[in-house]
């Protein structure tokens, strides 16, 4: 099994826009393993404990992204691969997926797991794009997963609006994890110590066999034009007149002040 992970700002971090207005300032921010990826790592570990095999975690990012891999290794993953090259930086979901898919062509797998989204950009695109580039089936936002190793099939449950959907797919396949799939374990102290000693394999642009025009900013299909901090919400207003008058006043406010009518 292979798990795709990402190093993202802690949900409690105070986010500020960096100079230039197209990215966030990383100064003073604590980065963590993407919470949805924790569900993916945990599910891979449970499958390993039940069926055997090994778990490899893969990430793309700057030097600090190794910490996400260390966390997954401390949880119990066996191997880690870091895609690290200046040419790979600054891309969007498309260019990131191209690099990840190329790396996965050299890593044996029966199942790829990832979080349904990264909490920094919330694009929800990398997992599905990787599956498409590899030409394998995908099942997203999964809350329950059963794998039949002998039949080489997976049965996944997705929670939809008002109902559950069950999908069966042949392996190899990609599954993206939703909250509720499991309860991720905490890394043990021995696991943390072992993770510090484990080697992390690093792949650069040359070892991936990719051209710089395919990845990073050069290979992106979408570009961030600007970031801005949300404005403070205005305080609400309570209309205390009788219902007909309140309705008329509300309509006037929506038309003249809120400008939504």
C-alpha atoms as a PDB file:
ATOM      1  CA  UNK A   1       0.000   0.000   0.000  1.00  0.00           C
ATOM      2  CA  UNK A   2       1.064   3.547  -0.744  1.00  0.00           C
ATOM      3  CA  UNK A   3      -0.246   6.555   1.158  1.00  0.00           C
ATOM      4  CA  UNK A   4       0.017  10.079  -0.278  1.00  0.00           C
ATOM      5  CA  UNK A   5       0.508  12.669   2.476  1.00  0.00           C
ATOM      6  CA  UNK A   6       0.994  16.416   2.771  1.00  0.00           C
ATOM      7  CA  UNK A   7       2.596  18.780   5.314  1.00  0.00           C
ATOM      8  CA  UNK A   8       0.076  21.535   6.059  1.00  0.00           C
ATOM      9  CA  UNK A   9      -0.323  24.461   8.497  1.00  0.00           C
ATOM     10  CA  UNK A  10      -1.807  23.496  11.849  1.00  0.00           C
ATOM     11  CA  UNK A  11      -5.528  24.275  11.999  1.00  0.00           C
ATOM     12  CA  UNK A  12      -4.844  26.486  15.039  1.00  0.00           C
ATOM     13  CA  UNK A  13      -2.181  28.550  13.270  1.00  0.00           C
ATOM     14  CA  UNK A  14      -2.797  32.247  12.683  1.00  0.00           C
ATOM     15  CA  UNK A  15      -2.590  32.681   8.922  1.00  0.00           C
ATOM     16  CA  UNK A  16      -1.234  35.845   7.300  1.00  0.00           C
ATOM     17  CA  UNK A  17      -0.819  36.655   3.613  1.00  0.00           C
ATOM     18  CA  UNK A  18       2.814  36.890   2.505  1.00  0.00           C
ATOM     19  CA  UNK A  19       4.276  39.773   0.556  1.00  0.00           C
ATOM     20  CA  UNK A  20       3.087  39.678  -3.029  1.00  0.00           C
ATOM     21  CA  UNK A  21      -0.361  38.508  -1.957  1.00  0.00           C
ATOM     22  CA  UNK A  22      -0.267  35.084  -3.594  1.00  0.00           C
ATOM     23  CA  UNK A  23       0.799  32.821  -0.728  1.00  0.00           C
ATOM     24  CA  UNK A  24       0.702  32.616   3.047  1.00  0.00           C
ATOM     25  CA  UNK A  25       3.518  33.650   5.338  1.00  0.00           C
ATOM     26  CA  UNK A  26       5.158  30.599   6.900  1.00  0.00           C
ATOM     27  CA  UNK A  27       6.852  32.609   9.626  1.00  0.00           C
ATOM     28  CA  UNK A  28       5.987  31.230  13.056  1.00  0.00           C
ATOM     29  CA  UNK A  29       3.572  28.610  11.680  1.00  0.00           C
ATOM     30  CA  UNK A  30       3.583  25.041  12.952  1.00  0.00           C
ATOM     31  CA  UNK A  31       3.117  22.484  10.170  1.00  0.00           C
ATOM     32  CA  UNK A  32       1.564  19.042  10.706  1.00  0.00           C
ATOM     33  CA  UNK A  33       0.561  15.911   8.830  1.00  0.00           C
ATOM     34  CA  UNK A  34      -2.672  16.713   7.002  1.00  0.00           C
ATOM     35  CA  UNK A  35      -5.509  15.446   9.267  1.00  0.00           C
ATOM     36  CA  UNK A  36      -7.351  13.641   6.458  1.00  0.00           C
ATOM     37  CA  UNK A  37      -4.097  11.914   5.516  1.00  0.00           C
ATOM     38  CA  UNK A  38      -3.918  10.564   9.074  1.00  0.00           C
ATOM     39  CA  UNK A  39      -7.068   8.551   8.342  1.00  0.00           C
ATOM     40  CA  UNK A  40      -5.421   7.202   5.190  1.00  0.00           C
ATOM     41  CA  UNK A  41      -2.233   6.202   7.047  1.00  0.00           C
ATOM     42  CA  UNK A  42      -4.225   4.540   9.818  1.00  0.00           C
ATOM     43  CA  UNK A  43      -6.332   2.554   7.347  1.00  0.00           C
ATOM     44  CA  UNK A  44      -3.224   1.352   5.517  1.00  0.00           C
ATOM     45  CA  UNK A  45      -1.690   0.230   8.813  1.00  0.00           C
ATOM     46  CA  UNK A  46      -4.840  -1.660   9.764  1.00  0.00           C
ATOM     47  CA  UNK A  47      -4.884  -3.394   6.395  1.00  0.00           C
ATOM     48  CA  UNK A  48      -1.224  -4.339   6.854  1.00  0.00           C
ATOM     49  CA  UNK A  49      -1.951  -5.766  10.306  1.00  0.00           C
ATOM     50  CA  UNK A  50      -4.834  -7.801   8.906  1.00  0.00           C
ATOM     51  CA  UNK A  51      -3.520  -8.835   5.489  1.00  0.00           C
ATOM     52  CA  UNK A  52       0.248  -8.343   5.610  1.00  0.00           C
ATOM     53  CA  UNK A  53       2.348  -6.377   3.162  1.00  0.00           C
ATOM     54  CA  UNK A  54       3.960  -3.005   3.745  1.00  0.00           C
ATOM     55  CA  UNK A  55       3.061   0.671   3.812  1.00  0.00           C
ATOM     56  CA  UNK A  56       5.014   3.314   1.908  1.00  0.00           C
ATOM     57  CA  UNK A  57       4.263   7.006   2.447  1.00  0.00           C
ATOM     58  CA  UNK A  58       4.989   9.550  -0.281  1.00  0.00           C
ATOM     59  CA  UNK A  59       5.007  13.339  -0.206  1.00  0.00           C
ATOM     60  CA  UNK A  60       6.062  16.263  -2.374  1.00  0.00           C
ATOM     61  CA  UNK A  61       7.287  19.463  -0.795  1.00  0.00           C
ATOM     62  CA  UNK A  62      10.143  21.447   0.741  1.00  0.00           C
ATOM     63  CA  UNK A  63      12.580  20.113   3.319  1.00  0.00           C
ATOM     64  CA  UNK A  64      10.106  20.577   6.184  1.00  0.00           C
ATOM     65  CA  UNK A  65       7.729  18.102   4.491  1.00  0.00           C
ATOM     66  CA  UNK A  66       9.941  15.310   5.840  1.00  0.00           C
ATOM     67  CA  UNK A  67       8.205  15.869   9.191  1.00  0.00           C
ATOM     68  CA  UNK A  68       4.933  14.598   7.722  1.00  0.00           C
ATOM     69  CA  UNK A  69       6.767  11.469   6.585  1.00  0.00           C
ATOM     70  CA  UNK A  70       8.368  11.066  10.027  1.00  0.00           C
ATOM     71  CA  UNK A  71       4.949  11.240  11.655  1.00  0.00           C
ATOM     72  CA  UNK A  72       3.623   8.512   9.363  1.00  0.00           C
ATOM     73  CA  UNK A  73       6.724   6.391  10.001  1.00  0.00           C
ATOM     74  CA  UNK A  74       6.244   6.846  13.754  1.00  0.00           C
ATOM     75  CA  UNK A  75       2.666   5.619  13.376  1.00  0.00           C
ATOM     76  CA  UNK A  76       3.999   2.426  11.771  1.00  0.00           C
ATOM     77  CA  UNK A  77       4.650   2.994   8.064  1.00  0.00           C
ATOM     78  CA  UNK A  78       7.560   0.984   6.681  1.00  0.00           C
ATOM     79  CA  UNK A  79       9.125   3.256   4.043  1.00  0.00           C
ATOM     80  CA  UNK A  80       9.005   6.899   3.018  1.00  0.00           C
ATOM     81  CA  UNK A  81       9.662   8.723  -0.265  1.00  0.00           C
ATOM     82  CA  UNK A  82      10.177  12.486  -0.518  1.00  0.00           C
ATOM     83  CA  UNK A  83       9.851  14.259  -3.869  1.00  0.00           C
ATOM     84  CA  UNK A  84      12.137  17.237  -3.353  1.00  0.00           C
ATOM     85  CA  UNK A  85      13.362  19.631  -6.016  1.00  0.00           C
ATOM     86  CA  UNK A  86      13.083  23.384  -6.470  1.00  0.00           C
ATOM     87  CA  UNK A  87      11.505  22.737  -9.859  1.00  0.00           C
ATOM     88  CA  UNK A  88       8.660  20.838  -8.162  1.00  0.00           C
ATOM     89  CA  UNK A  89       7.715  23.709  -5.847  1.00  0.00           C
ATOM     90  CA  UNK A  90       4.839  26.141  -6.204  1.00  0.00           C
ATOM     91  CA  UNK A  91       2.665  24.032  -8.474  1.00  0.00           C
ATOM     92  CA  UNK A  92      -1.059  23.346  -8.387  1.00  0.00           C
ATOM     93  CA  UNK A  93      -2.966  20.057  -8.088  1.00  0.00           C
ATOM     94  CA  UNK A  94      -2.225  19.202 -11.720  1.00  0.00           C
ATOM     95  CA  UNK A  95       1.560  19.578 -11.622  1.00  0.00           C
ATOM     96  CA  UNK A  96       1.779  17.931  -8.185  1.00  0.00           C
ATOM     97  CA  UNK A  97      -0.250  14.969  -9.462  1.00  0.00           C
ATOM     98  CA  UNK A  98       2.014  14.576 -12.487  1.00  0.00           C
ATOM     99  CA  UNK A  99       5.071  14.244 -10.235  1.00  0.00           C
ATOM    100  CA  UNK A 100       3.367  11.892  -7.762  1.00  0.00           C
ATOM    101  CA  UNK A 101       2.005   9.662 -10.517  1.00  0.00           C
ATOM    102  CA  UNK A 102       5.450   9.412 -12.101  1.00  0.00           C
ATOM    103  CA  UNK A 103       6.990   8.395  -8.759  1.00  0.00           C
ATOM    104  CA  UNK A 104       4.281   5.772  -8.203  1.00  0.00           C
ATOM    105  CA  UNK A 105       5.085   4.068 -11.490  1.00  0.00           C
ATOM    106  CA  UNK A 106       8.297   2.852  -9.837  1.00  0.00           C
ATOM    107  CA  UNK A 107       6.682   1.835  -6.521  1.00  0.00           C
ATOM    108  CA  UNK A 108       4.758  -1.477  -6.444  1.00  0.00           C
ATOM    109  CA  UNK A 109       1.263  -1.105  -4.983  1.00  0.00           C
ATOM    110  CA  UNK A 110      -2.083  -2.826  -4.763  1.00  0.00           C
ATOM    111  CA  UNK A 111      -3.841   0.112  -3.145  1.00  0.00           C
ATOM    112  CA  UNK A 112      -3.200   3.860  -2.908  1.00  0.00           C
ATOM    113  CA  UNK A 113      -4.757   5.792  -0.054  1.00  0.00           C
ATOM    114  CA  UNK A 114      -4.858   9.534   0.571  1.00  0.00           C
ATOM    115  CA  UNK A 115      -6.923  12.077   2.457  1.00  0.00           C
ATOM    116  CA  UNK A 116     -10.027  13.343   0.680  1.00  0.00           C
ATOM    117  CA  UNK A 117      -8.484  16.832   0.735  1.00  0.00           C
ATOM    118  CA  UNK A 118      -5.609  18.867   2.155  1.00  0.00           C
ATOM    119  CA  UNK A 119      -6.806  21.436   4.670  1.00  0.00           C
ATOM    120  CA  UNK A 120      -4.622  24.215   3.235  1.00  0.00           C
ATOM    121  CA  UNK A 121      -5.934  24.469  -0.329  1.00  0.00           C
ATOM    122  CA  UNK A 122      -9.045  22.233  -0.033  1.00  0.00           C
ATOM    123  CA  UNK A 123      -8.819  21.362  -3.725  1.00  0.00           C
ATOM    124  CA  UNK A 124      -9.782  17.658  -3.320  1.00  0.00           C
ATOM    125  CA  UNK A 125      -8.087  17.081  -6.693  1.00  0.00           C
ATOM    126  CA  UNK A 126      -4.718  15.389  -6.170  1.00  0.00           C
ATOM    127  CA  UNK A 127      -5.985  11.885  -5.356  1.00  0.00           C
ATOM    128  CA  UNK A 128      -8.431  11.691  -8.282  1.00  0.00           C
ATOM    129  CA  UNK A 129      -5.879  13.214 -10.679  1.00  0.00           C
ATOM    130  CA  UNK A 130      -3.224  10.692  -9.656  1.00  0.00           C
ATOM    131  CA  UNK A 131      -5.658   7.821 -10.221  1.00  0.00           C
ATOM    132  CA  UNK A 132      -6.560   9.203 -13.641  1.00  0.00           C
ATOM    133  CA  UNK A 133      -2.907   9.583 -14.635  1.00  0.00           C
ATOM    134  CA  UNK A 134      -2.169   6.025 -13.522  1.00  0.00           C
ATOM    135  CA  UNK A 135      -5.267   4.658 -15.259  1.00  0.00           C
ATOM    136  CA  UNK A 136      -6.690   2.980 -12.136  1.00  0.00           C
ATOM    137  CA  UNK A 137     -10.162   3.116 -10.521  1.00  0.00           C
ATOM    138  CA  UNK A 138     -10.833   5.544  -7.687  1.00  0.00           C
ATOM    139  CA  UNK A 139     -13.345   5.833  -4.853  1.00  0.00           C
ATOM    140  CA  UNK A 140     -13.425   9.120  -2.935  1.00  0.00           C
ATOM    141  CA  UNK A 141     -14.636  10.324   0.513  1.00  0.00           C
ATOM    142  CA  UNK A 142     -14.694   6.772   1.882  1.00  0.00           C
ATOM    143  CA  UNK A 143     -15.943   6.090   5.425  1.00  0.00           C
ATOM    144  CA  UNK A 144     -15.661   2.289   5.401  1.00  0.00           C
ATOM    145  CA  UNK A 145     -13.271   0.041   3.501  1.00  0.00           C
ATOM    146  CA  UNK A 146     -13.081  -3.725   3.099  1.00  0.00           C
ATOM    147  CA  UNK A 147     -10.375  -5.423   1.039  1.00  0.00           C
ATOM    148  CA  UNK A 148     -10.550  -8.984  -0.278  1.00  0.00           C
ATOM    149  CA  UNK A 149      -6.919  -9.832  -0.956  1.00  0.00           C
ATOM    150  CA  UNK A 150      -7.709 -13.178  -2.584  1.00  0.00           C
ATOM    151  CA  UNK A 151     -10.240 -11.727  -5.004  1.00  0.00           C
ATOM    152  CA  UNK A 152      -8.163  -8.532  -5.388  1.00  0.00           C
ATOM    153  CA  UNK A 153     -11.184  -6.307  -4.847  1.00  0.00           C
ATOM    154  CA  UNK A 154     -12.109  -3.491  -2.472  1.00  0.00           C
ATOM    155  CA  UNK A 155     -15.562  -2.595  -1.188  1.00  0.00           C
ATOM    156  CA  UNK A 156     -15.910   1.024  -0.084  1.00  0.00           C
ATOM    157  CA  UNK A 157     -18.747   2.952   1.542  1.00  0.00           C
ATOM    158  CA  UNK A 158     -19.303   6.654   0.896  1.00  0.00           C
ATOM    159  CA  UNK A 159     -21.626   8.893   2.901  1.00  0.00           C
ATOM    160  CA  UNK A 160     -23.649  11.005   0.491  1.00  0.00           C
ATOM    161  CA  UNK A 161     -26.386  13.580   1.119  1.00  0.00           C
ATOM    162  CA  UNK A 162     -29.030  11.550   2.928  1.00  0.00           C
ATOM    163  CA  UNK A 163     -27.813   8.094   1.929  1.00  0.00           C
ATOM    164  CA  UNK A 164     -24.820   5.748   1.806  1.00  0.00           C
ATOM    165  CA  UNK A 165     -23.270   4.514  -1.413  1.00  0.00           C
ATOM    166  CA  UNK A 166     -21.343   1.237  -1.616  1.00  0.00           C
ATOM    167  CA  UNK A 167     -18.825   0.831  -4.434  1.00  0.00           C
ATOM    168  CA  UNK A 168     -16.860  -2.285  -5.332  1.00  0.00           C
ATOM    169  CA  UNK A 169     -13.714  -1.943  -7.400  1.00  0.00           C
ATOM    170  CA  UNK A 170     -10.928  -4.223  -8.621  1.00  0.00           C
ATOM    171  CA  UNK A 171      -7.412  -3.617  -7.395  1.00  0.00           C
ATOM    172  CA  UNK A 172      -5.161  -1.767  -7.884  1.00  0.00           C
ATOM    173  CA  UNK A 173      -7.229   1.299  -7.048  1.00  0.00           C
ATOM    174  CA  UNK A 174      -7.064   4.615  -5.206  1.00  0.00           C
ATOM    175  CA  UNK A 175      -9.202   5.446  -2.167  1.00  0.00           C
ATOM    176  CA  UNK A 176      -9.485   8.850  -0.512  1.00  0.00           C
ATOM    177  CA  UNK A 177     -10.317   8.881   3.209  1.00  0.00           C
ATOM    178  CA  UNK A 178     -13.086  10.838   4.871  1.00  0.00           C
ATOM    179  CA  UNK A 179     -13.423  11.573   8.591  1.00  0.00           C
ATOM    180  CA  UNK A 180     -15.104   8.599  10.249  1.00  0.00           C
ATOM    181  CA  UNK A 181     -13.133   5.945   8.378  1.00  0.00           C
ATOM    182  CA  UNK A 182     -11.209   5.176  11.575  1.00  0.00           C
ATOM    183  CA  UNK A 183      -9.587   6.731  14.634  1.00  0.00           C
ATOM    184  CA  UNK A 184      -5.887   7.402  13.888  1.00  0.00           C
ATOM    185  CA  UNK A 185      -3.446   6.077  16.459  1.00  0.00           C
ATOM    186  CA  UNK A 186      -0.954   8.244  18.298  1.00  0.00           C
ATOM    187  CA  UNK A 187       2.703   7.511  17.510  1.00  0.00           C
ATOM    188  CA  UNK A 188       4.323   5.600  20.354  1.00  0.00           C
ATOM    189  CA  UNK A 189       7.636   6.692  21.875  1.00  0.00           C
ATOM    190  CA  UNK A 190       9.452   3.642  20.416  1.00  0.00           C
ATOM    191  CA  UNK A 191       7.810   4.396  17.075  1.00  0.00           C
ATOM    192  CA  UNK A 192       9.018   7.998  17.204  1.00  0.00           C
ATOM    193  CA  UNK A 193      12.570   6.901  17.997  1.00  0.00           C
ATOM    194  CA  UNK A 194      12.555   4.329  15.174  1.00  0.00           C
ATOM    195  CA  UNK A 195      11.173   6.920  12.740  1.00  0.00           C
ATOM    196  CA  UNK A 196      14.092   9.235  13.461  1.00  0.00           C
ATOM    197  CA  UNK A 197      16.514   6.521  12.346  1.00  0.00           C
ATOM    198  CA  UNK A 198      14.649   5.378   9.232  1.00  0.00           C
ATOM    199  CA  UNK A 199      16.009   6.477   5.885  1.00  0.00           C
ATOM    200  CA  UNK A 200      13.785   8.644   3.723  1.00  0.00           C
ATOM    201  CA  UNK A 201      14.346   8.138   0.014  1.00  0.00           C
ATOM    202  CA  UNK A 202      14.575  11.427  -1.883  1.00  0.00           C
ATOM    203  CA  UNK A 203      13.653  11.771  -5.555  1.00  0.00           C
ATOM    204  CA  UNK A 204      14.483  14.882  -7.583  1.00  0.00           C
ATOM    205  CA  UNK A 205      13.430  15.999 -11.035  1.00  0.00           C
ATOM    206  CA  UNK A 206      16.179  14.019 -12.757  1.00  0.00           C
ATOM    207  CA  UNK A 207      15.426  10.771 -10.913  1.00  0.00           C
ATOM    208  CA  UNK A 208      11.740  11.147 -11.743  1.00  0.00           C
ATOM    209  CA  UNK A 209      12.615  11.513 -15.410  1.00  0.00           C
ATOM    210  CA  UNK A 210      10.395  14.577 -15.815  1.00  0.00           C
ATOM    211  CA  UNK A 211      10.966  17.819 -17.667  1.00  0.00           C
ATOM    212  CA  UNK A 212      10.811  21.035 -15.639  1.00  0.00           C
ATOM    213  CA  UNK A 213       8.004  22.277 -17.900  1.00  0.00           C
ATOM    214  CA  UNK A 214       5.719  19.487 -16.639  1.00  0.00           C
ATOM    215  CA  UNK A 215       5.859  20.244 -12.926  1.00  0.00           C
ATOM    216  CA  UNK A 216       5.907  23.052 -10.381  1.00  0.00           C
ATOM    217  CA  UNK A 217       4.786  26.510 -11.441  1.00  0.00           C
ATOM    218  CA  UNK A 218       5.748  25.798 -15.052  1.00  0.00           C
ATOM    219  CA  UNK A 219       3.387  22.825 -15.290  1.00  0.00           C
ATOM    220  CA  UNK A 220       0.411  24.192 -13.405  1.00  0.00           C
ATOM    221  CA  UNK A 221      -2.975  24.553 -15.051  1.00  0.00           C
ATOM    222  CA  UNK A 222      -4.303  27.189 -12.656  1.00  0.00           C
ATOM    223  CA  UNK A 223      -2.620  30.166 -11.019  1.00  0.00           C
ATOM    224  CA  UNK A 224      -3.464  31.911  -7.759  1.00  0.00           C
ATOM    225  CA  UNK A 225      -4.068  35.565  -8.550  1.00  0.00           C
ATOM    226  CA  UNK A 226      -4.508  36.855  -5.010  1.00  0.00           C
ATOM    227  CA  UNK A 227      -5.102  35.830  -1.394  1.00  0.00           C
ATOM    228  CA  UNK A 228      -6.806  37.981   1.195  1.00  0.00           C
ATOM    229  CA  UNK A 229      -7.884  37.599   4.790  1.00  0.00           C
ATOM    230  CA  UNK A 230     -11.709  37.374   5.116  1.00  0.00           C
ATOM    231  CA  UNK A 231     -13.304  40.573   6.318  1.00  0.00           C
ATOM    232  CA  UNK A 232     -14.795  40.626   9.782  1.00  0.00           C
ATOM    233  CA  UNK A 233     -18.434  39.639   9.797  1.00  0.00           C
ATOM    234  CA  UNK A 234     -20.761  42.507  10.540  1.00  0.00           C
ATOM    235  CA  UNK A 235     -23.026  42.191  13.548  1.00  0.00           C
ATOM    236  CA  UNK A 236     -26.548  41.052  12.830  1.00  0.00           C
ATOM    237  CA  UNK A 237     -29.587  43.255  13.135  1.00  0.00           C
ATOM    238  CA  UNK A 238     -32.826  42.272  14.872  1.00  0.00           C
ATOM    239  CA  UNK A 239     -36.049  43.564  13.358  1.00  0.00           C
ATOM    240  CA  UNK A 240     -38.585  44.102  16.118  1.00  0.00           C
ATOM    241  CA  UNK A 241     -41.580  45.515  14.241  1.00  0.00           C
ATOM    242  CA  UNK A 242     -44.717  43.517  13.442  1.00  0.00           C
ATOM    243  CA  UNK A 243     -44.343  40.777  10.775  1.00  0.00           C
ATOM    244  CA  UNK A 244     -45.639  42.723   7.728  1.00  0.00           C
ATOM    245  CA  UNK A 245     -43.501  45.753   8.525  1.00  0.00           C
ATOM    246  CA  UNK A 246     -40.483  43.579   9.370  1.00  0.00           C
ATOM    247  CA  UNK A 247     -40.836  41.747   6.054  1.00  0.00           C
ATOM    248  CA  UNK A 248     -40.909  45.019   4.139  1.00  0.00           C
ATOM    249  CA  UNK A 249     -37.921  46.338   6.087  1.00  0.00           C
ATOM    250  CA  UNK A 250     -36.002  43.109   5.511  1.00  0.00           C
ATOM    251  CA  UNK A 251     -36.652  43.266   1.770  1.00  0.00           C
ATOM    252  CA  UNK A 252     -35.463  46.865   1.667  1.00  0.00           C
ATOM    253  CA  UNK A 253     -32.279  45.998   3.575  1.00  0.00           C
ATOM    254  CA  UNK A 254     -31.516  43.010   1.333  1.00  0.00           C
ATOM    255  CA  UNK A 255     -31.997  45.180  -1.728  1.00  0.00           C
ATOM    256  CA  UNK A 256     -30.352  48.422  -0.636  1.00  0.00           C
ATOM    257  CA  UNK A 257     -27.724  47.413   1.950  1.00  0.00           C
ATOM    258  CA  UNK A 258     -26.809  43.769   1.334  1.00  0.00           C
ATOM    259  CA  UNK A 259     -27.490  44.127  -2.413  1.00  0.00           C
ATOM    260  CA  UNK A 260     -28.542  40.500  -2.812  1.00  0.00           C
ATOM    261  CA  UNK A 261     -31.934  41.216  -4.384  1.00  0.00           C
END
